[in-house]
Protein backbone atom coordinates (compact mmCIF):
# COMPACT_ATOMS: atom_id res chain seq x y z
CA MET A 1 0.00 0.00 0.00
CA ASP A 2 2.86 2.35 0.87
CA THR A 3 4.50 1.56 -2.46
CA LEU A 4 1.31 2.43 -4.39
CA THR A 5 0.97 5.66 -2.45
CA ASP A 6 4.55 6.61 -3.19
CA GLU A 7 4.00 5.93 -6.89
CA LEU A 8 0.90 8.16 -6.94
CA VAL A 9 2.77 10.91 -5.13
CA ASP A 10 5.65 10.66 -7.58
CA LEU A 11 3.20 10.73 -10.49
CA LEU A 12 1.37 13.76 -9.20
CA THR A 13 4.59 15.59 -8.38
CA ASP A 14 6.13 14.79 -11.77
CA PRO A 15 7.36 18.04 -13.40
CA ALA A 16 5.74 16.91 -16.63
CA TRP A 17 2.34 17.93 -15.24
CA GLY A 18 3.58 21.45 -14.67
CA VAL A 19 4.99 21.53 -18.20
CA LEU A 20 1.67 20.32 -19.66
CA LEU A 21 -0.22 22.90 -17.63
CA GLY A 22 2.18 25.58 -18.84
CA ALA A 23 1.69 24.38 -22.41
CA LEU A 24 -2.09 24.65 -22.05
CA VAL A 25 -1.84 28.16 -20.63
CA ALA A 26 0.65 29.17 -23.33
CA THR A 27 -1.69 27.90 -26.05
CA LEU A 28 -4.62 29.85 -24.62
CA VAL A 29 -2.49 32.98 -24.30
CA GLY A 30 -1.36 32.61 -27.92
CA LEU A 31 -4.95 32.27 -29.15
CA VAL A 32 -6.06 35.26 -27.09
CA LEU A 33 -3.18 37.33 -28.46
CA HIS A 34 -4.12 36.28 -31.97
CA ARG A 35 -7.76 37.22 -31.46
CA THR A 36 -6.92 40.56 -29.89
CA GLY A 37 -4.21 41.38 -32.42
CA SER A 38 -6.49 40.54 -35.37
CA VAL A 39 -9.20 42.90 -34.12
CA VAL A 40 -6.70 45.70 -33.46
CA LEU A 41 -4.89 45.30 -36.79
CA ARG A 42 -8.14 45.20 -38.77
CA ARG A 43 -9.22 48.46 -37.13
CA ILE A 44 -5.97 50.33 -37.65
CA ALA A 45 -5.27 48.96 -41.15
CA ARG A 46 -5.73 51.61 -43.83
CA GLY A 47 -5.63 51.10 -47.56
CA PRO A 48 -6.29 47.98 -49.66
CA VAL A 49 -2.72 46.66 -49.33
CA ALA A 50 -2.64 46.72 -45.52
CA ILE A 51 -6.15 45.28 -45.25
CA ALA A 52 -5.35 42.46 -47.68
CA VAL A 53 -2.12 41.58 -45.85
CA VAL A 54 -3.89 41.48 -42.45
CA ASN A 55 -6.68 39.27 -43.82
CA SER A 56 -4.22 36.90 -45.52
CA CYS A 57 -2.07 36.53 -42.42
CA ALA A 58 -4.97 35.78 -40.07
CA ALA A 59 -5.03 32.00 -40.60
CA PRO A 60 -1.27 31.29 -40.36
CA ALA A 61 -0.91 33.68 -37.40
CA ARG A 62 -3.46 31.57 -35.51
CA MET A 63 -0.92 28.75 -35.79
CA VAL A 64 2.29 30.77 -35.32
CA LEU A 65 1.49 32.45 -32.00
CA PRO A 66 0.51 29.29 -30.04
CA LEU A 67 3.50 27.42 -31.48
CA MET A 68 5.86 30.21 -30.41
CA ALA A 69 4.38 30.15 -26.91
CA LEU A 70 4.63 26.36 -26.77
CA GLN A 71 8.25 26.44 -27.93
CA SER A 72 9.15 28.71 -25.04
CA VAL A 73 7.50 26.25 -22.64
CA TRP A 74 9.32 23.24 -24.13
CA GLN A 75 12.66 25.06 -23.97
CA ALA A 76 12.13 25.91 -20.29
CA ALA A 77 11.12 22.33 -19.43
CA PRO A 78 13.73 20.13 -17.70
CA ASP A 79 15.61 17.69 -19.89
CA SER A 80 14.62 14.81 -17.61
CA ILE A 81 11.05 14.75 -18.98
CA LEU A 82 10.41 11.80 -21.26
CA LEU A 83 10.66 12.58 -25.03
CA ILE A 84 11.07 16.32 -24.36
CA SER A 85 13.80 16.65 -27.00
CA GLN A 86 11.55 15.07 -29.66
CA VAL A 87 8.71 17.39 -28.64
CA ARG A 88 11.00 20.42 -28.96
CA HIS A 89 12.17 19.29 -32.39
CA GLY A 90 8.65 18.59 -33.65
CA ASN A 91 7.35 21.92 -32.36
CA ALA A 92 10.28 23.73 -34.01
CA LEU A 93 9.50 22.05 -37.35
CA LEU A 94 5.83 23.02 -37.10
CA LEU A 95 6.82 26.58 -36.19
CA MET A 96 9.06 26.84 -39.27
CA VAL A 97 6.23 25.56 -41.46
CA ALA A 98 3.84 28.09 -39.93
CA LEU A 99 6.31 30.97 -40.35
CA THR A 100 6.87 30.03 -44.01
CA TRP A 101 3.11 29.90 -44.51
CA LEU A 102 2.78 33.30 -42.81
CA VAL A 103 5.35 34.97 -45.07
CA LEU A 104 3.85 33.40 -48.22
CA ASN A 105 0.37 34.60 -47.25
CA ALA A 106 1.72 38.07 -46.51
CA LEU A 107 3.23 38.22 -50.01
CA GLU A 108 -0.02 36.95 -51.53
CA GLY A 109 -2.04 39.52 -49.58
CA MET A 110 0.27 42.28 -50.75
CA THR A 111 -0.30 41.18 -54.36
CA LYS A 112 -4.08 41.20 -53.88
CA GLY A 113 -4.00 44.63 -52.26
CA ILE A 114 -1.91 46.13 -55.06
CA ALA A 115 -4.27 44.55 -57.62
CA GLU A 116 -7.26 46.19 -55.91
CA ARG A 117 -5.47 49.53 -55.79
CA HIS A 118 -4.40 49.42 -59.45
CA SER A 119 -7.37 48.07 -61.39
CA PHE A 120 -7.22 47.09 -65.06
CA ASP A 121 -10.81 48.23 -65.62
CA VAL A 122 -9.86 51.72 -66.79
CA ALA A 123 -9.37 53.22 -70.22
CA ASP A 124 -5.62 53.84 -69.78
CA ASN A 125 -4.27 50.98 -67.67
CA ASN A 126 -0.59 51.13 -68.65
CA ASP A 127 0.54 52.11 -65.14
CA ALA A 128 -1.61 49.40 -63.56
CA ARG A 129 -0.21 46.74 -65.90
CA ARG A 130 3.36 47.90 -65.26
CA ILE A 131 2.95 47.80 -61.48
CA MET A 132 1.14 44.45 -61.44
CA THR A 133 3.73 42.83 -63.72
CA GLN A 134 6.57 43.93 -61.45
CA THR A 135 4.67 42.94 -58.32
CA ARG A 136 3.74 39.44 -59.47
CA LEU A 137 7.17 38.60 -60.84
CA LEU A 138 9.01 39.86 -57.76
CA VAL A 139 6.53 38.21 -55.39
CA ARG A 140 6.92 34.87 -57.14
CA VAL A 141 10.70 35.08 -56.98
CA ALA A 142 10.47 36.03 -53.29
CA SER A 143 8.02 33.19 -52.62
CA THR A 144 10.42 30.69 -54.17
CA ALA A 145 13.24 32.04 -52.00
CA VAL A 146 11.04 31.81 -48.87
CA VAL A 147 10.12 28.17 -49.57
CA VAL A 148 13.74 27.24 -50.21
CA ALA A 149 14.85 29.02 -47.03
CA GLY A 150 12.13 27.33 -44.99
CA LEU A 151 13.04 23.86 -46.26
CA SER A 152 16.74 24.54 -45.66
CA MET A 153 16.10 25.62 -42.07
CA MET A 154 13.99 22.53 -41.44
CA LEU A 155 16.68 20.24 -42.85
CA MET A 156 19.36 21.90 -40.76
CA THR A 157 17.53 20.86 -37.59
CA PHE A 158 18.36 17.22 -38.36
CA PRO A 159 21.89 16.20 -37.34
CA GLY A 160 22.09 13.77 -40.23
CA ALA A 161 21.34 16.51 -42.73
CA ARG A 162 24.15 18.64 -41.30
CA GLN A 163 26.57 15.73 -41.71
CA VAL A 164 25.45 15.20 -45.29
CA GLY A 165 25.93 18.90 -45.96
CA ALA A 166 29.46 18.78 -44.52
CA SER A 167 30.37 15.81 -46.71
CA LEU A 168 28.92 17.48 -49.78
CA LEU A 169 31.01 20.59 -49.17
CA ALA A 170 34.11 18.43 -49.48
CA SER A 171 33.27 17.80 -53.14
CA ALA A 172 31.84 21.22 -53.84
CA GLY A 173 33.65 21.59 -57.17
CA VAL A 174 32.06 18.58 -58.87
CA LEU A 175 28.72 19.11 -57.12
CA GLY A 176 28.61 22.76 -58.15
CA LEU A 177 29.24 21.83 -61.78
CA VAL A 178 26.54 19.14 -61.79
CA VAL A 179 23.99 21.31 -60.00
CA GLY A 180 24.81 24.26 -62.23
CA ILE A 181 24.18 22.24 -65.38
CA ALA A 182 20.99 20.67 -63.99
CA ALA A 183 19.61 23.96 -62.68
CA ARG A 184 20.51 26.07 -65.71
CA PRO A 185 16.93 26.21 -67.11
CA VAL A 186 15.50 27.09 -63.70
CA MET A 187 18.14 29.74 -62.98
CA SER A 188 17.85 31.22 -66.46
CA ASN A 189 14.11 31.58 -66.03
CA MET A 190 14.52 33.17 -62.59
CA ILE A 191 17.07 35.65 -63.93
CA ALA A 192 14.84 36.33 -66.93
CA GLY A 193 11.95 36.93 -64.53
CA LEU A 194 13.95 39.60 -62.70
CA GLN A 195 14.91 41.19 -66.02
CA LEU A 196 11.29 41.21 -67.17
CA ALA A 197 10.18 42.73 -63.86
CA LEU A 198 12.71 45.56 -64.10
CA ALA A 199 12.93 46.24 -67.86
CA GLN A 200 9.34 45.18 -68.64
CA PRO A 201 9.44 44.37 -72.35
CA ILE A 202 6.09 42.70 -71.67
CA ARG A 203 3.38 43.32 -69.08
CA LEU A 204 0.09 41.76 -68.11
CA ASP A 205 -2.62 42.33 -70.72
CA ASP A 206 -0.08 43.39 -73.37
CA VAL A 207 -0.99 42.56 -76.98
CA LEU A 208 1.80 40.54 -78.61
CA ILE A 209 2.53 39.08 -82.02
CA LEU A 210 4.51 35.96 -81.22
CA LYS A 211 5.44 33.19 -83.67
CA GLY A 212 2.74 34.41 -86.03
CA GLU A 213 0.07 34.38 -83.30
CA TRP A 214 -1.90 37.38 -82.00
CA GLY A 215 -2.87 37.37 -78.35
CA ARG A 216 -2.77 39.00 -74.92
CA VAL A 217 -0.50 38.25 -71.97
CA GLU A 218 -2.86 36.50 -69.56
CA GLU A 219 -0.44 35.34 -66.85
CA ILE A 220 3.24 35.68 -65.96
CA THR A 221 4.58 33.01 -63.62
CA ALA A 222 8.07 32.48 -62.20
CA THR A 223 9.04 30.27 -65.17
CA TYR A 224 6.72 30.91 -68.12
CA VAL A 225 4.24 33.31 -69.72
CA VAL A 226 0.69 32.36 -70.72
CA MET A 227 -0.56 34.16 -73.83
CA LYS A 228 -4.26 33.96 -74.65
CA ILE A 229 -4.70 33.66 -78.41
CA TRP A 230 -7.65 35.39 -80.07
CA ASP A 231 -9.37 32.02 -80.71
CA GLU A 232 -9.22 31.06 -76.97
CA ARG A 233 -6.10 28.91 -77.27
CA ARG A 234 -3.21 29.36 -74.82
CA LEU A 235 0.44 29.70 -75.83
CA ILE A 236 2.99 28.80 -73.12
CA ILE A 237 6.41 30.45 -73.52
CA PRO A 238 9.43 30.18 -71.15
CA LEU A 239 10.51 33.48 -69.62
CA HIS A 240 14.02 33.39 -71.05
CA TRP A 241 12.57 33.25 -74.60
CA PHE A 242 11.51 36.90 -74.30
CA ILE A 243 15.07 37.92 -73.40
CA GLU A 244 16.71 36.01 -76.27
CA ASN A 245 14.23 36.58 -79.14
CA THR A 246 12.41 39.42 -80.89
CA PHE A 247 8.64 39.86 -80.84
CA GLU A 248 6.02 42.54 -81.46
CA ASN A 249 4.43 44.40 -78.54
CA TRP A 250 1.46 46.49 -79.69
CA THR A 251 0.85 48.05 -76.26
CA ARG A 252 4.40 48.85 -75.11
CA HIS A 253 3.73 52.54 -74.41
CA SER A 254 0.06 52.91 -75.33
CA SER A 255 -2.83 50.70 -76.36
CA GLN A 256 -3.77 53.08 -79.20
CA ILE A 257 -3.21 51.53 -82.61
CA MET A 258 -3.58 52.24 -86.33
CA GLY A 259 -4.99 49.68 -88.72
CA THR A 260 -5.32 49.38 -92.50
CA VAL A 261 -8.13 48.34 -94.81
CA LEU A 262 -7.06 47.39 -98.37
CA ILE A 263 -9.51 47.40 -101.28
CA TRP A 264 -9.01 46.92 -105.03
CA VAL A 265 -11.12 49.07 -107.36
CA ASP A 266 -11.33 49.82 -111.05
CA TYR A 267 -9.37 52.74 -112.53
CA ARG A 268 -12.63 54.52 -113.34
CA MET A 269 -13.81 54.58 -109.73
CA PRO A 270 -14.16 58.20 -108.48
CA LEU A 271 -12.28 58.56 -105.21
CA GLY A 272 -14.18 61.55 -103.81
CA PRO A 273 -17.44 59.70 -102.98
CA LEU A 274 -15.48 56.74 -101.65
CA ARG A 275 -13.41 59.00 -99.38
CA GLU A 276 -16.55 60.71 -98.07
CA GLU A 277 -18.18 57.34 -97.42
CA ALA A 278 -15.13 56.10 -95.50
CA GLN A 279 -15.24 59.22 -93.30
CA ARG A 280 -18.96 58.77 -92.70
CA ILE A 281 -18.47 55.10 -91.74
CA CYS A 282 -15.74 55.98 -89.22
CA GLU A 283 -17.77 58.76 -87.63
CA ALA A 284 -20.70 56.41 -87.18
CA ALA A 285 -18.56 53.65 -85.64
CA ALA A 286 -18.17 53.52 -81.87
CA GLU A 287 -14.80 51.79 -82.27
CA TRP A 288 -13.19 54.85 -83.92
CA ASP A 289 -11.25 57.16 -81.57
CA LYS A 290 -11.52 60.17 -83.95
CA ARG A 291 -7.76 60.46 -84.52
CA LEU A 292 -7.38 59.39 -88.14
CA CYS A 293 -9.54 58.13 -91.00
CA GLN A 294 -7.71 58.53 -94.31
CA LEU A 295 -8.15 56.96 -97.75
CA GLN A 296 -5.10 56.73 -100.01
CA VAL A 297 -4.12 55.11 -103.31
CA VAL A 298 -1.15 52.90 -102.49
CA GLU A 299 -0.70 50.84 -105.67
CA ALA A 300 -1.63 50.97 -109.35
CA GLY A 301 -1.71 47.58 -111.05
CA GLN A 302 -2.31 46.53 -114.63
CA SER A 303 -6.07 46.23 -114.29
CA SER A 304 -6.99 47.98 -110.99
CA VAL A 305 -5.76 50.24 -108.22
CA GLN A 306 -5.38 49.43 -104.54
CA LEU A 307 -6.84 51.75 -101.91
CA ARG A 308 -5.77 51.87 -98.29
CA VAL A 309 -7.95 53.24 -95.51
CA LEU A 310 -6.06 54.11 -92.30
CA VAL A 311 -8.22 53.98 -89.18
CA THR A 312 -7.31 54.38 -85.50
CA SER A 313 -8.78 52.94 -82.31
CA ALA A 314 -8.11 52.87 -78.58
CA ASP A 315 -6.85 49.27 -78.65
CA ALA A 316 -6.17 46.37 -80.99
CA ALA A 317 -9.47 44.55 -80.39
CA LEU A 318 -11.52 47.63 -81.24
CA ASN A 319 -9.36 48.32 -84.27
CA TRP A 320 -9.96 44.84 -85.64
CA ASP A 321 -13.71 45.30 -85.38
CA LEU A 322 -13.46 48.77 -86.95
CA ARG A 323 -11.42 47.49 -89.90
CA CYS A 324 -13.94 44.72 -90.57
CA LYS A 325 -16.80 47.22 -90.33
CA VAL A 326 -15.15 49.72 -92.72
CA ARG A 327 -14.24 47.02 -95.23
CA GLU A 328 -17.75 45.58 -95.26
CA ALA A 329 -19.41 48.99 -95.54
CA LEU A 330 -17.17 50.14 -98.42
CA VAL A 331 -17.78 46.95 -100.38
CA ASP A 332 -21.53 47.34 -99.81
CA PHE A 333 -21.34 51.00 -100.91
CA MET A 334 -19.56 50.13 -104.16
CA GLN A 335 -21.91 47.26 -104.93
CA ARG A 336 -24.86 49.56 -104.40
CA GLU A 337 -23.64 52.85 -105.96
CA TYR A 338 -20.79 51.95 -108.33
CA PRO A 339 -21.08 48.30 -109.32
CA GLN A 340 -19.59 49.05 -112.73
CA HIS A 341 -16.33 50.18 -111.10
CA LEU A 342 -15.57 46.99 -109.23
CA PRO A 343 -12.35 45.30 -110.43
CA MET A 344 -12.84 43.47 -113.71
CA MET A 345 -10.84 42.02 -116.54
CA ARG A 346 -10.98 43.87 -119.88
CA ALA A 347 -10.22 42.84 -123.41
CA GLU A 348 -10.44 44.90 -126.60
CA LEU A 349 -11.68 42.98 -129.59
CA ALA A 350 -10.47 44.23 -132.95
CA ALA A 351 -13.17 44.98 -135.51
CA PRO A 352 -13.44 42.21 -138.12
CA THR A 353 -11.96 43.12 -141.49
CA ALA A 354 -14.24 43.00 -144.52
CA GLN A 355 -13.79 39.87 -146.56
CA PRO A 356 -14.76 39.70 -150.25
CA LEU A 357 -17.80 37.63 -150.93
CA PRO A 358 -17.19 34.41 -152.77
CA ARG A 359 -18.30 34.36 -156.37
C-alpha cells in the first residue's frame, strides 16, 4: 500500500504535469493574443494593401502564436522529462512551417492589395499593368526564396542533414558543376523573370505578335508566360525566350493603334465619294477614336488600283472590329452605288476586217 501511495505521489509531483499545464496556458495565451491582435490590426489597417495583408495573415498567425508560446514552454522544461527533445524538435519544425506559410500569405495579400489599388478596368491601364507585372514577378521570386529558405532551415535541424551537408562541401567543385548544369533552365528563367520585372518588355494584358500568333498576356509566372490567343487557345512560352528573341508588342507605351483596310477598285472609280463614305463610316462607328480616318491610293496595277484606308482605335481589339466594319461597308457601298467600277478584266476585240464575198 505504501508503495502504491509513493507511486501516486511521484506521479502527481512529476514536473511533466507542470509543463503540460504551462503548455495549455501558453496555447490559450497565444490564441487570445491572436484574437486581440487581429481585431486591433483590422481596425488600424488603412488602404487595400494593408487590409489584404492582415486578412491573408490571419489563418497562419493563428498557428504561429501558439506554437511560439509552446516552444518557449518546451525550452524551459527540464531535460529529464520523457521525449522532451523530440517534442521540442517537432514543435520547431511546425513553427518553421507556420512561419513560411505566414510569409507566403503576406506576399499573396500584398499582391491582392496592389491589384485592388491598381485596377485594369480603366481606359488607360498602362501604369496598372506595369505595377502588377513587377509585383507578381518579384513576389513569385520572393516566394520561391522563402520556400527554399524554410526547407533549408527545417533540414538543418536534423543532425544527419548537417553531416550530409558537410560531406557534400568536401566535393563542392564537382557538385557545383553538376547542380549548375541541372539547374541552368531554372536559374535562367529566374534571372529572366527579374529582367522582365525591371525592364518590362512585356506586361500583363499586353498585346503581342509571337510566332505568327496574335494574343494577350494572360499570366506571368516564375518560369513561363501564358498568352491567350484570339481564338481562346493558350500559348505557353518560357521566360528566357523573351530575353533572347524578338517579338512585337502592340501596347508597349500605349494601347492606341492604327490599322489598314485594303480594297481593289477599277481605274474609273471616283475617289471623292469613296473618301466621303469612309469618313462617314468611321464617324458612325463607336470603335473609332476620332484620330485618323484617311483613304489613299497605295498601288496601281495593270487592271486595278489598290486603296488603303487608315483607321485608329483605342486598342487592338476595337481596331480589328473597326477594320472589318469599314471594309464591309465600303464593299456594300460600291456594290450599291458603283457596281460598274468593281475590279474586272478587260479585253479589246479588234473589228473584223471585210472579206470579199465568194463568187
